[in-house]
Amino acid sequence: VGEACAAMHRAHGVDVRCNALVAGFEGGERVERVLLADGSTVEADLVVVGIGVAPETRWLEGSGLELRDGVVCDATCAAAPGVYAVGDVCRWYNPIFEEEMRVEHWTNVIHQSRQVARNLLAEPGEAKPFASVPYVWSDQYDASIQSLGHPKADDAVEVLHGSLESLEFVAGYRRNGIIVGGLTFNMPQQLSAYRPLMEQRTPWEAVLEHARAMD
């Protein structure tokens, strides 16, 4: 899947360099080159820097809350009795995937904040877990890229519909025999059909049967 994405960018004239760390910048009154950690340089007159990927939790040090790549919360998004976290700072236990996660997309905080508001107003002991299937998307060139679930780099991947070469496909991700994620290029309707399968922690063989029935 990564190679298909890289091929799309290269076809549009992008110089894709993986595992390349920026070491610095060179230039006079404005940037002229980007220095990479391997000693190579890239000519540039404009640099876009992505910031904000690390959650800001330093102000909570000494508060008694557990801080580990965010504010650690239980399934209800509670970090301590009466203390909740939402958004990309919240590392909560998602019961659908049976693990902690931290989601950095605005669609997550909309649904998460609604559940936290309900939990804040709930009677003691009646707070409900926030169980969700994360969803993100990106439109690049003429490709609509969408992702469901919580796929990881070491998950097993299988194309369920379409083909990588055509850049029209749905790929499914499995972990421990269960579907945990899906990614599509230009087949959004087919991808959406896998959300309930993720919510139900569907075994992979049943996922393949579902894919064959859709085709």
N, C-alpha and C. Protein backbone atom coordinates (compact mmCIF):
# COMPACT_ATOMS: atom_id res chain seq x y z
N VAL A 1 0.84 -1.19 0.00
CA VAL A 1 0.00 0.00 0.00
C VAL A 1 0.88 1.25 0.00
N GLY A 2 1.92 1.22 0.81
CA GLY A 2 2.84 2.36 0.84
C GLY A 2 3.51 2.59 -0.49
N GLU A 3 3.90 1.51 -1.17
CA GLU A 3 4.54 1.64 -2.48
C GLU A 3 3.56 2.22 -3.50
N ALA A 4 2.30 1.83 -3.41
CA ALA A 4 1.30 2.38 -4.33
C ALA A 4 1.14 3.88 -4.11
N CYS A 5 1.14 4.29 -2.85
CA CYS A 5 1.02 5.72 -2.54
C CYS A 5 2.25 6.48 -3.03
N ALA A 6 3.44 5.90 -2.81
CA ALA A 6 4.67 6.55 -3.27
C ALA A 6 4.69 6.66 -4.79
N ALA A 7 4.23 5.62 -5.47
CA ALA A 7 4.20 5.64 -6.93
C ALA A 7 3.28 6.74 -7.45
N MET A 8 2.16 6.96 -6.76
CA MET A 8 1.24 8.02 -7.15
C MET A 8 1.93 9.38 -7.07
N HIS A 9 2.67 9.62 -5.98
CA HIS A 9 3.35 10.90 -5.82
C HIS A 9 4.47 11.06 -6.85
N ARG A 10 5.22 10.00 -7.09
CA ARG A 10 6.30 10.09 -8.08
C ARG A 10 5.74 10.39 -9.46
N ALA A 11 4.57 9.82 -9.76
CA ALA A 11 3.94 10.08 -11.06
C ALA A 11 3.56 11.54 -11.22
N HIS A 12 3.44 12.26 -10.10
CA HIS A 12 3.12 13.69 -10.14
C HIS A 12 4.36 14.55 -9.90
N GLY A 13 5.54 13.95 -10.04
CA GLY A 13 6.78 14.72 -9.97
C GLY A 13 7.34 14.94 -8.58
N VAL A 14 6.86 14.21 -7.59
CA VAL A 14 7.35 14.37 -6.22
C VAL A 14 8.54 13.45 -5.98
N ASP A 15 9.60 14.00 -5.40
CA ASP A 15 10.78 13.22 -5.02
C ASP A 15 10.52 12.63 -3.63
N VAL A 16 10.10 11.38 -3.58
CA VAL A 16 9.75 10.73 -2.31
C VAL A 16 11.01 10.14 -1.69
N ARG A 17 11.32 10.56 -0.47
CA ARG A 17 12.48 10.04 0.25
C ARG A 17 12.03 9.53 1.62
N CYS A 18 12.16 8.24 1.83
CA CYS A 18 11.74 7.64 3.10
C CYS A 18 12.92 7.57 4.07
N ASN A 19 12.62 7.59 5.35
CA ASN A 19 13.64 7.52 6.41
C ASN A 19 14.68 8.62 6.26
N ALA A 20 14.26 9.79 5.79
CA ALA A 20 15.16 10.93 5.63
C ALA A 20 14.84 11.96 6.70
N LEU A 21 15.81 12.22 7.57
CA LEU A 21 15.62 13.19 8.65
C LEU A 21 16.24 14.53 8.27
N VAL A 22 15.55 15.60 8.60
CA VAL A 22 16.06 16.95 8.33
C VAL A 22 17.06 17.33 9.41
N ALA A 23 18.26 17.74 8.98
CA ALA A 23 19.30 18.14 9.92
C ALA A 23 19.44 19.65 10.04
N GLY A 24 18.97 20.40 9.03
CA GLY A 24 19.10 21.85 9.09
C GLY A 24 18.75 22.50 7.77
N PHE A 25 18.93 23.82 7.74
CA PHE A 25 18.60 24.60 6.55
C PHE A 25 19.79 25.51 6.21
N GLU A 26 19.95 25.82 4.93
CA GLU A 26 20.99 26.74 4.48
C GLU A 26 20.36 27.82 3.61
N GLY A 27 20.98 28.99 3.65
CA GLY A 27 20.52 30.08 2.81
C GLY A 27 20.92 31.42 3.37
N GLY A 28 20.67 32.48 2.61
CA GLY A 28 20.98 33.83 3.05
C GLY A 28 19.78 34.43 3.76
N GLU A 29 19.09 35.34 3.06
CA GLU A 29 17.91 35.96 3.64
C GLU A 29 16.70 35.03 3.64
N ARG A 30 16.78 33.96 2.87
CA ARG A 30 15.70 32.97 2.85
C ARG A 30 16.31 31.59 2.61
N VAL A 31 15.53 30.56 2.84
CA VAL A 31 16.04 29.20 2.69
C VAL A 31 16.39 28.92 1.24
N GLU A 32 17.50 28.20 1.05
CA GLU A 32 17.94 27.80 -0.28
C GLU A 32 18.12 26.29 -0.39
N ARG A 33 18.45 25.65 0.73
CA ARG A 33 18.68 24.21 0.74
C ARG A 33 18.23 23.62 2.07
N VAL A 34 17.82 22.36 2.01
CA VAL A 34 17.52 21.59 3.21
C VAL A 34 18.60 20.54 3.37
N LEU A 35 19.21 20.49 4.56
CA LEU A 35 20.25 19.51 4.85
C LEU A 35 19.61 18.28 5.47
N LEU A 36 19.96 17.10 4.94
CA LEU A 36 19.44 15.85 5.49
C LEU A 36 20.50 15.17 6.34
N ALA A 37 20.05 14.30 7.22
CA ALA A 37 20.96 13.67 8.18
C ALA A 37 21.99 12.77 7.50
N ASP A 38 21.69 12.28 6.30
CA ASP A 38 22.66 11.43 5.60
C ASP A 38 23.71 12.23 4.85
N GLY A 39 23.69 13.56 4.99
CA GLY A 39 24.67 14.42 4.34
C GLY A 39 24.23 14.98 3.01
N SER A 40 23.14 14.51 2.46
CA SER A 40 22.66 15.02 1.18
C SER A 40 21.88 16.32 1.38
N THR A 41 21.64 17.03 0.30
CA THR A 41 20.91 18.30 0.36
C THR A 41 19.78 18.29 -0.66
N VAL A 42 18.78 19.11 -0.40
CA VAL A 42 17.66 19.28 -1.32
C VAL A 42 17.49 20.77 -1.57
N GLU A 43 17.54 21.19 -2.83
CA GLU A 43 17.32 22.59 -3.16
C GLU A 43 15.88 22.97 -2.83
N ALA A 44 15.70 24.12 -2.18
CA ALA A 44 14.35 24.53 -1.77
C ALA A 44 14.29 26.04 -1.60
N ASP A 45 13.16 26.63 -1.96
CA ASP A 45 12.93 28.05 -1.67
C ASP A 45 11.73 28.23 -0.76
N LEU A 46 11.11 27.11 -0.37
CA LEU A 46 9.99 27.15 0.56
C LEU A 46 9.99 25.85 1.37
N VAL A 47 9.83 25.97 2.67
CA VAL A 47 9.80 24.80 3.55
C VAL A 47 8.53 24.86 4.40
N VAL A 48 7.79 23.78 4.42
CA VAL A 48 6.61 23.65 5.27
C VAL A 48 6.97 22.73 6.42
N VAL A 49 6.84 23.22 7.64
CA VAL A 49 7.21 22.45 8.82
C VAL A 49 5.94 22.01 9.55
N GLY A 50 5.80 20.71 9.75
CA GLY A 50 4.67 20.18 10.50
C GLY A 50 5.00 20.16 11.99
N ILE A 51 4.20 20.83 12.80
CA ILE A 51 4.45 20.89 14.24
C ILE A 51 3.19 20.45 14.98
N GLY A 52 3.34 20.22 16.26
CA GLY A 52 2.18 19.90 17.09
C GLY A 52 1.87 18.42 17.18
N VAL A 53 2.78 17.55 16.73
CA VAL A 53 2.49 16.12 16.75
C VAL A 53 2.72 15.51 18.13
N ALA A 54 3.40 16.21 19.02
CA ALA A 54 3.61 15.71 20.38
C ALA A 54 2.61 16.38 21.31
N PRO A 55 1.85 15.60 22.08
CA PRO A 55 0.86 16.21 22.98
C PRO A 55 1.54 17.05 24.06
N GLU A 56 0.98 18.21 24.34
CA GLU A 56 1.53 19.12 25.35
C GLU A 56 0.97 18.74 26.72
N THR A 57 1.77 18.04 27.49
CA THR A 57 1.33 17.59 28.82
C THR A 57 2.26 18.06 29.93
N ARG A 58 3.25 18.89 29.58
CA ARG A 58 4.22 19.30 30.61
C ARG A 58 3.55 20.04 31.76
N TRP A 59 2.50 20.79 31.46
CA TRP A 59 1.83 21.56 32.51
C TRP A 59 1.09 20.67 33.50
N LEU A 60 0.95 19.38 33.15
CA LEU A 60 0.28 18.44 34.05
C LEU A 60 1.25 17.61 34.88
N GLU A 61 2.54 17.83 34.67
CA GLU A 61 3.52 17.08 35.46
C GLU A 61 3.36 17.42 36.94
N GLY A 62 3.34 16.40 37.76
CA GLY A 62 3.15 16.59 39.19
C GLY A 62 1.69 16.64 39.60
N SER A 63 0.78 16.48 38.64
CA SER A 63 -0.65 16.54 38.95
C SER A 63 -1.19 15.24 39.52
N GLY A 64 -0.41 14.17 39.37
CA GLY A 64 -0.89 12.86 39.79
C GLY A 64 -1.51 12.06 38.66
N LEU A 65 -1.72 12.69 37.50
CA LEU A 65 -2.24 11.98 36.34
C LEU A 65 -1.12 11.20 35.67
N GLU A 66 -1.47 10.07 35.07
CA GLU A 66 -0.47 9.30 34.33
C GLU A 66 -0.29 9.92 32.95
N LEU A 67 0.95 10.28 32.64
CA LEU A 67 1.28 10.92 31.37
C LEU A 67 2.19 9.99 30.59
N ARG A 68 1.72 9.54 29.43
CA ARG A 68 2.50 8.64 28.58
C ARG A 68 2.04 8.83 27.14
N ASP A 69 2.76 9.67 26.41
CA ASP A 69 2.32 10.05 25.07
C ASP A 69 0.88 10.50 25.11
N GLY A 70 0.59 11.44 25.99
CA GLY A 70 -0.76 11.93 26.21
C GLY A 70 -1.18 11.72 27.65
N VAL A 71 -2.44 11.98 27.92
CA VAL A 71 -3.02 11.74 29.24
C VAL A 71 -3.68 10.37 29.21
N VAL A 72 -3.19 9.46 30.04
CA VAL A 72 -3.70 8.09 30.03
C VAL A 72 -5.06 8.04 30.72
N CYS A 73 -6.05 7.46 30.02
CA CYS A 73 -7.42 7.41 30.52
C CYS A 73 -7.95 5.98 30.44
N ASP A 74 -9.05 5.73 31.15
CA ASP A 74 -9.71 4.45 31.02
C ASP A 74 -10.67 4.48 29.84
N ALA A 75 -11.51 3.46 29.71
CA ALA A 75 -12.39 3.37 28.55
C ALA A 75 -13.42 4.49 28.49
N THR A 76 -13.72 5.11 29.63
CA THR A 76 -14.69 6.22 29.65
C THR A 76 -14.03 7.57 29.39
N CYS A 77 -12.72 7.57 29.12
CA CYS A 77 -11.91 8.78 28.92
C CYS A 77 -11.63 9.51 30.23
N ALA A 78 -11.78 8.82 31.35
CA ALA A 78 -11.47 9.42 32.65
C ALA A 78 -10.00 9.17 32.98
N ALA A 79 -9.30 10.25 33.34
CA ALA A 79 -7.90 10.15 33.75
C ALA A 79 -7.79 9.99 35.26
N ALA A 80 -8.83 10.41 35.97
CA ALA A 80 -8.93 10.31 37.43
C ALA A 80 -10.40 10.57 37.75
N PRO A 81 -10.85 10.28 38.95
CA PRO A 81 -12.25 10.56 39.29
C PRO A 81 -12.61 12.02 39.03
N GLY A 82 -13.57 12.25 38.14
CA GLY A 82 -14.01 13.61 37.82
C GLY A 82 -13.12 14.35 36.86
N VAL A 83 -12.07 13.70 36.35
CA VAL A 83 -11.14 14.35 35.41
C VAL A 83 -11.15 13.56 34.10
N TYR A 84 -11.50 14.24 33.01
CA TYR A 84 -11.58 13.59 31.70
C TYR A 84 -10.67 14.31 30.71
N ALA A 85 -10.27 13.58 29.68
CA ALA A 85 -9.50 14.17 28.58
C ALA A 85 -10.19 13.85 27.27
N VAL A 86 -10.09 14.76 26.30
CA VAL A 86 -10.64 14.53 24.97
C VAL A 86 -9.63 15.03 23.94
N GLY A 87 -9.78 14.56 22.71
CA GLY A 87 -8.94 15.03 21.62
C GLY A 87 -7.62 14.29 21.53
N ASP A 88 -6.66 14.90 20.83
CA ASP A 88 -5.42 14.19 20.55
C ASP A 88 -4.49 14.10 21.76
N VAL A 89 -4.86 14.68 22.89
CA VAL A 89 -4.08 14.50 24.11
C VAL A 89 -4.55 13.29 24.90
N CYS A 90 -5.71 12.74 24.53
CA CYS A 90 -6.33 11.65 25.29
C CYS A 90 -5.84 10.30 24.79
N ARG A 91 -5.17 9.55 25.65
CA ARG A 91 -4.80 8.16 25.35
C ARG A 91 -5.72 7.28 26.17
N TRP A 92 -6.74 6.74 25.50
CA TRP A 92 -7.76 5.99 26.23
C TRP A 92 -7.82 4.56 25.75
N TYR A 93 -8.42 3.71 26.56
CA TYR A 93 -8.58 2.30 26.22
C TYR A 93 -9.83 2.15 25.37
N ASN A 94 -9.63 1.76 24.10
CA ASN A 94 -10.74 1.58 23.18
C ASN A 94 -11.16 0.11 23.21
N PRO A 95 -12.34 -0.21 23.76
CA PRO A 95 -12.73 -1.61 23.91
C PRO A 95 -12.92 -2.35 22.60
N ILE A 96 -13.16 -1.64 21.49
CA ILE A 96 -13.31 -2.32 20.21
C ILE A 96 -12.00 -2.99 19.81
N PHE A 97 -10.89 -2.29 20.03
CA PHE A 97 -9.58 -2.81 19.63
C PHE A 97 -8.81 -3.40 20.81
N GLU A 98 -9.39 -3.31 21.99
CA GLU A 98 -8.81 -3.87 23.21
C GLU A 98 -7.39 -3.36 23.45
N GLU A 99 -7.19 -2.06 23.25
CA GLU A 99 -5.89 -1.46 23.51
C GLU A 99 -6.03 0.05 23.65
N GLU A 100 -4.99 0.66 24.22
CA GLU A 100 -4.95 2.11 24.31
C GLU A 100 -4.65 2.70 22.95
N MET A 101 -5.19 3.89 22.69
CA MET A 101 -4.86 4.59 21.46
C MET A 101 -5.03 6.09 21.67
N ARG A 102 -4.40 6.84 20.80
CA ARG A 102 -4.51 8.30 20.79
C ARG A 102 -4.74 8.71 19.35
N VAL A 103 -5.87 9.35 19.07
CA VAL A 103 -6.27 9.67 17.70
C VAL A 103 -6.11 11.16 17.45
N GLU A 104 -5.42 11.52 16.37
CA GLU A 104 -5.07 12.91 16.11
C GLU A 104 -5.91 13.52 14.99
N HIS A 105 -7.19 13.21 14.96
CA HIS A 105 -8.05 13.75 13.90
C HIS A 105 -9.29 14.38 14.52
N TRP A 106 -9.76 15.46 13.89
CA TRP A 106 -10.86 16.22 14.49
C TRP A 106 -12.17 15.45 14.52
N THR A 107 -12.36 14.48 13.61
CA THR A 107 -13.61 13.71 13.68
C THR A 107 -13.71 12.93 14.98
N ASN A 108 -12.57 12.49 15.50
CA ASN A 108 -12.58 11.73 16.75
C ASN A 108 -13.03 12.59 17.92
N VAL A 109 -12.53 13.82 18.00
CA VAL A 109 -12.85 14.66 19.17
C VAL A 109 -14.32 15.05 19.19
N ILE A 110 -14.95 15.15 18.03
CA ILE A 110 -16.39 15.48 18.00
C ILE A 110 -17.18 14.40 18.73
N HIS A 111 -16.96 13.15 18.36
CA HIS A 111 -17.71 12.05 18.98
C HIS A 111 -17.25 11.80 20.41
N GLN A 112 -15.94 11.94 20.63
CA GLN A 112 -15.40 11.69 21.97
C GLN A 112 -15.92 12.70 22.98
N SER A 113 -15.98 13.96 22.58
CA SER A 113 -16.44 15.00 23.51
C SER A 113 -17.91 14.81 23.87
N ARG A 114 -18.71 14.32 22.93
CA ARG A 114 -20.11 14.06 23.24
C ARG A 114 -20.25 12.98 24.31
N GLN A 115 -19.44 11.91 24.17
CA GLN A 115 -19.52 10.84 25.16
C GLN A 115 -19.00 11.31 26.51
N VAL A 116 -17.94 12.10 26.51
CA VAL A 116 -17.40 12.61 27.77
C VAL A 116 -18.41 13.53 28.45
N ALA A 117 -19.12 14.35 27.67
CA ALA A 117 -20.16 15.21 28.26
C ALA A 117 -21.23 14.37 28.94
N ARG A 118 -21.63 13.29 28.29
CA ARG A 118 -22.63 12.39 28.90
C ARG A 118 -22.07 11.78 30.19
N ASN A 119 -20.80 11.40 30.16
CA ASN A 119 -20.20 10.78 31.34
C ASN A 119 -20.08 11.77 32.49
N LEU A 120 -19.80 13.02 32.18
CA LEU A 120 -19.72 14.04 33.23
C LEU A 120 -21.07 14.24 33.91
N LEU A 121 -22.15 14.04 33.16
CA LEU A 121 -23.49 14.24 33.71
C LEU A 121 -24.10 12.96 34.27
N ALA A 122 -23.41 11.84 34.08
CA ALA A 122 -23.96 10.56 34.52
C ALA A 122 -23.88 10.40 36.03
N GLU A 123 -24.73 9.54 36.54
CA GLU A 123 -24.67 9.20 37.96
C GLU A 123 -23.40 8.41 38.23
N PRO A 124 -22.90 8.44 39.46
CA PRO A 124 -21.68 7.68 39.78
C PRO A 124 -21.80 6.21 39.37
N GLY A 125 -20.79 5.74 38.68
CA GLY A 125 -20.77 4.35 38.24
C GLY A 125 -21.50 4.07 36.95
N GLU A 126 -22.09 5.10 36.33
CA GLU A 126 -22.87 4.89 35.11
C GLU A 126 -22.21 5.47 33.86
N ALA A 127 -20.96 5.89 33.96
CA ALA A 127 -20.24 6.39 32.79
C ALA A 127 -20.06 5.25 31.78
N LYS A 128 -20.19 5.58 30.49
CA LYS A 128 -20.12 4.58 29.43
C LYS A 128 -18.77 4.68 28.70
N PRO A 129 -18.26 3.54 28.22
CA PRO A 129 -17.01 3.56 27.45
C PRO A 129 -17.18 4.31 26.13
N PHE A 130 -16.10 4.90 25.67
CA PHE A 130 -16.08 5.50 24.34
C PHE A 130 -15.47 4.47 23.40
N ALA A 131 -16.33 3.74 22.70
CA ALA A 131 -15.90 2.70 21.77
C ALA A 131 -16.11 3.21 20.36
N SER A 132 -15.04 3.43 19.63
CA SER A 132 -15.17 4.04 18.31
C SER A 132 -14.22 3.39 17.31
N VAL A 133 -14.58 3.52 16.04
CA VAL A 133 -13.71 3.12 14.94
C VAL A 133 -13.17 4.40 14.31
N PRO A 134 -11.90 4.74 14.53
CA PRO A 134 -11.35 5.99 13.99
C PRO A 134 -11.48 6.07 12.47
N TYR A 135 -11.67 7.28 11.98
CA TYR A 135 -11.84 7.52 10.55
C TYR A 135 -11.07 8.78 10.16
N VAL A 136 -10.24 8.68 9.13
CA VAL A 136 -9.51 9.83 8.62
C VAL A 136 -9.52 9.77 7.10
N TRP A 137 -9.26 10.90 6.46
CA TRP A 137 -9.22 10.91 5.00
C TRP A 137 -8.29 12.00 4.52
N SER A 138 -7.91 11.89 3.24
CA SER A 138 -7.07 12.90 2.60
C SER A 138 -7.33 12.84 1.10
N ASP A 139 -7.56 13.99 0.49
CA ASP A 139 -7.69 14.08 -0.96
C ASP A 139 -6.36 14.54 -1.54
N GLN A 140 -5.74 13.69 -2.35
CA GLN A 140 -4.43 14.00 -2.94
C GLN A 140 -4.52 13.82 -4.45
N TYR A 141 -4.23 14.92 -5.18
CA TYR A 141 -4.41 14.93 -6.64
C TYR A 141 -5.86 14.55 -6.93
N ASP A 142 -6.09 13.51 -7.72
CA ASP A 142 -7.46 13.08 -8.00
C ASP A 142 -7.83 11.83 -7.20
N ALA A 143 -7.07 11.53 -6.16
CA ALA A 143 -7.32 10.34 -5.35
C ALA A 143 -7.99 10.70 -4.03
N SER A 144 -9.02 9.96 -3.69
CA SER A 144 -9.67 10.09 -2.39
C SER A 144 -9.18 8.94 -1.51
N ILE A 145 -8.41 9.28 -0.48
CA ILE A 145 -7.81 8.27 0.40
C ILE A 145 -8.54 8.31 1.73
N GLN A 146 -9.02 7.16 2.18
CA GLN A 146 -9.75 7.09 3.44
C GLN A 146 -9.27 5.89 4.24
N SER A 147 -9.28 6.05 5.56
CA SER A 147 -8.83 4.98 6.46
C SER A 147 -9.83 4.80 7.58
N LEU A 148 -10.10 3.54 7.90
CA LEU A 148 -10.96 3.18 9.02
C LEU A 148 -10.19 2.31 9.99
N GLY A 149 -10.49 2.44 11.27
CA GLY A 149 -9.92 1.54 12.25
C GLY A 149 -8.59 2.00 12.80
N HIS A 150 -7.78 1.03 13.21
CA HIS A 150 -6.51 1.33 13.87
C HIS A 150 -5.41 0.45 13.30
N PRO A 151 -5.14 0.59 11.98
CA PRO A 151 -4.09 -0.24 11.36
C PRO A 151 -2.70 0.16 11.84
N LYS A 152 -1.82 -0.84 11.90
CA LYS A 152 -0.43 -0.60 12.29
C LYS A 152 0.49 -1.14 11.21
N ALA A 153 1.74 -0.69 11.25
CA ALA A 153 2.70 -1.05 10.20
C ALA A 153 2.98 -2.55 10.15
N ASP A 154 2.87 -3.25 11.28
CA ASP A 154 3.19 -4.67 11.29
C ASP A 154 1.96 -5.57 11.16
N ASP A 155 0.79 -4.99 10.87
CA ASP A 155 -0.40 -5.80 10.63
C ASP A 155 -0.28 -6.51 9.28
N ALA A 156 -0.95 -7.65 9.16
CA ALA A 156 -1.06 -8.32 7.86
C ALA A 156 -2.05 -7.53 7.00
N VAL A 157 -1.72 -7.36 5.72
CA VAL A 157 -2.53 -6.55 4.81
C VAL A 157 -2.94 -7.40 3.61
N GLU A 158 -4.18 -7.24 3.19
CA GLU A 158 -4.68 -7.96 2.02
C GLU A 158 -5.64 -7.06 1.25
N VAL A 159 -5.48 -7.05 -0.06
CA VAL A 159 -6.38 -6.27 -0.91
C VAL A 159 -7.70 -7.02 -1.02
N LEU A 160 -8.79 -6.38 -0.63
CA LEU A 160 -10.12 -7.00 -0.64
C LEU A 160 -10.91 -6.67 -1.89
N HIS A 161 -10.67 -5.50 -2.47
CA HIS A 161 -11.37 -5.08 -3.69
C HIS A 161 -10.40 -4.28 -4.54
N GLY A 162 -10.55 -4.37 -5.86
CA GLY A 162 -9.74 -3.57 -6.76
C GLY A 162 -8.29 -4.04 -6.82
N SER A 163 -7.40 -3.12 -7.20
CA SER A 163 -5.98 -3.45 -7.31
C SER A 163 -5.13 -2.25 -6.96
N LEU A 164 -3.93 -2.52 -6.43
CA LEU A 164 -3.01 -1.44 -6.08
C LEU A 164 -2.57 -0.68 -7.32
N GLU A 165 -2.35 -1.40 -8.42
CA GLU A 165 -1.84 -0.78 -9.63
C GLU A 165 -2.80 0.26 -10.20
N SER A 166 -4.09 0.02 -10.05
CA SER A 166 -5.08 0.95 -10.60
C SER A 166 -5.34 2.13 -9.68
N LEU A 167 -4.82 2.07 -8.45
CA LEU A 167 -5.11 3.06 -7.42
C LEU A 167 -6.61 3.16 -7.14
N GLU A 168 -7.28 2.05 -7.30
CA GLU A 168 -8.67 1.89 -6.88
C GLU A 168 -8.76 0.57 -6.14
N PHE A 169 -8.77 0.64 -4.81
CA PHE A 169 -8.72 -0.60 -4.03
C PHE A 169 -9.20 -0.35 -2.61
N VAL A 170 -9.54 -1.44 -1.95
CA VAL A 170 -9.75 -1.46 -0.50
C VAL A 170 -8.82 -2.51 0.06
N ALA A 171 -7.98 -2.12 1.00
CA ALA A 171 -7.08 -3.05 1.68
C ALA A 171 -7.56 -3.25 3.11
N GLY A 172 -7.56 -4.49 3.56
CA GLY A 172 -7.95 -4.80 4.93
C GLY A 172 -6.73 -5.15 5.76
N TYR A 173 -6.77 -4.77 7.03
CA TYR A 173 -5.66 -5.02 7.96
C TYR A 173 -6.16 -5.96 9.05
N ARG A 174 -5.38 -7.00 9.33
CA ARG A 174 -5.78 -7.94 10.37
C ARG A 174 -4.67 -8.10 11.41
N ARG A 175 -5.12 -8.35 12.63
CA ARG A 175 -4.20 -8.56 13.75
C ARG A 175 -4.81 -9.64 14.64
N ASN A 176 -4.04 -10.67 14.91
CA ASN A 176 -4.53 -11.79 15.73
C ASN A 176 -5.82 -12.38 15.16
N GLY A 177 -5.90 -12.44 13.83
CA GLY A 177 -7.04 -13.06 13.18
C GLY A 177 -8.29 -12.23 13.13
N ILE A 178 -8.21 -10.94 13.50
CA ILE A 178 -9.37 -10.05 13.57
C ILE A 178 -9.13 -8.85 12.65
N ILE A 179 -10.18 -8.37 11.97
CA ILE A 179 -10.03 -7.16 11.18
C ILE A 179 -9.89 -5.95 12.11
N VAL A 180 -8.86 -5.15 11.88
CA VAL A 180 -8.61 -3.99 12.74
C VAL A 180 -8.53 -2.69 11.94
N GLY A 181 -8.55 -2.78 10.61
CA GLY A 181 -8.45 -1.55 9.84
C GLY A 181 -8.72 -1.78 8.37
N GLY A 182 -8.96 -0.68 7.69
CA GLY A 182 -9.16 -0.72 6.25
C GLY A 182 -8.71 0.60 5.64
N LEU A 183 -8.21 0.53 4.42
CA LEU A 183 -7.77 1.74 3.73
C LEU A 183 -8.20 1.65 2.28
N THR A 184 -8.68 2.75 1.74
CA THR A 184 -9.11 2.75 0.35
C THR A 184 -8.53 3.90 -0.44
N PHE A 185 -8.30 3.65 -1.70
CA PHE A 185 -8.08 4.68 -2.71
C PHE A 185 -9.30 4.62 -3.63
N ASN A 186 -10.11 5.66 -3.59
CA ASN A 186 -11.19 5.86 -4.56
C ASN A 186 -12.30 4.81 -4.53
N MET A 187 -12.47 4.10 -3.41
CA MET A 187 -13.60 3.16 -3.26
C MET A 187 -14.23 3.36 -1.88
N PRO A 188 -14.71 4.57 -1.58
CA PRO A 188 -15.19 4.87 -0.22
C PRO A 188 -16.41 4.08 0.20
N GLN A 189 -17.33 3.81 -0.71
CA GLN A 189 -18.54 3.08 -0.33
C GLN A 189 -18.21 1.66 0.10
N GLN A 190 -17.29 1.04 -0.61
CA GLN A 190 -16.90 -0.32 -0.24
C GLN A 190 -16.23 -0.33 1.13
N LEU A 191 -15.39 0.67 1.41
CA LEU A 191 -14.71 0.71 2.71
C LEU A 191 -15.71 0.85 3.85
N SER A 192 -16.72 1.69 3.68
CA SER A 192 -17.66 1.93 4.77
C SER A 192 -18.38 0.67 5.21
N ALA A 193 -18.48 -0.32 4.32
CA ALA A 193 -19.16 -1.57 4.67
C ALA A 193 -18.39 -2.37 5.71
N TYR A 194 -17.14 -2.01 5.96
CA TYR A 194 -16.32 -2.77 6.92
C TYR A 194 -16.34 -2.18 8.32
N ARG A 195 -16.96 -1.02 8.49
CA ARG A 195 -17.03 -0.43 9.83
C ARG A 195 -17.74 -1.37 10.82
N PRO A 196 -18.96 -1.87 10.50
CA PRO A 196 -19.60 -2.76 11.47
C PRO A 196 -18.81 -4.03 11.74
N LEU A 197 -18.04 -4.49 10.76
CA LEU A 197 -17.22 -5.68 10.99
C LEU A 197 -16.12 -5.40 12.01
N MET A 198 -15.57 -4.19 11.96
CA MET A 198 -14.57 -3.80 12.96
C MET A 198 -15.21 -3.64 14.33
N GLU A 199 -16.39 -3.04 14.37
CA GLU A 199 -17.09 -2.85 15.64
C GLU A 199 -17.40 -4.18 16.31
N GLN A 200 -17.64 -5.21 15.49
CA GLN A 200 -17.99 -6.53 16.02
C GLN A 200 -16.77 -7.45 16.16
N ARG A 201 -15.57 -6.92 15.89
CA ARG A 201 -14.34 -7.72 15.99
C ARG A 201 -14.48 -9.01 15.18
N THR A 202 -14.79 -8.84 13.91
CA THR A 202 -15.10 -9.97 13.04
C THR A 202 -13.83 -10.75 12.67
N PRO A 203 -13.86 -12.09 12.77
CA PRO A 203 -12.73 -12.91 12.34
C PRO A 203 -12.44 -12.72 10.86
N TRP A 204 -11.18 -12.91 10.47
CA TRP A 204 -10.75 -12.60 9.12
C TRP A 204 -11.44 -13.45 8.07
N GLU A 205 -11.68 -14.72 8.33
CA GLU A 205 -12.34 -15.57 7.34
C GLU A 205 -13.73 -15.03 7.01
N ALA A 206 -14.44 -14.53 8.01
CA ALA A 206 -15.76 -13.93 7.76
C ALA A 206 -15.63 -12.64 6.96
N VAL A 207 -14.54 -11.91 7.18
CA VAL A 207 -14.29 -10.69 6.40
C VAL A 207 -14.09 -11.03 4.93
N LEU A 208 -13.33 -12.09 4.65
CA LEU A 208 -13.11 -12.50 3.26
C LEU A 208 -14.42 -12.94 2.60
N GLU A 209 -15.27 -13.63 3.34
CA GLU A 209 -16.57 -14.02 2.81
C GLU A 209 -17.41 -12.78 2.49
N HIS A 210 -17.33 -11.80 3.37
CA HIS A 210 -18.06 -10.54 3.15
C HIS A 210 -17.55 -9.85 1.89
N ALA A 211 -16.24 -9.84 1.68
CA ALA A 211 -15.66 -9.20 0.50
C ALA A 211 -16.09 -9.92 -0.77
N ARG A 212 -16.09 -11.25 -0.75
CA ARG A 212 -16.50 -12.00 -1.94
C ARG A 212 -17.98 -11.74 -2.27
N ALA A 213 -18.79 -11.63 -1.24
CA ALA A 213 -20.22 -11.37 -1.47
C ALA A 213 -20.44 -9.98 -2.07
N MET A 214 -19.60 -9.01 -1.68
CA MET A 214 -19.73 -7.66 -2.23
C MET A 214 -19.33 -7.60 -3.69
N ASP A 215 -18.34 -8.41 -4.08
CA ASP A 215 -17.88 -8.41 -5.47
C ASP A 215 -18.86 -9.16 -6.37
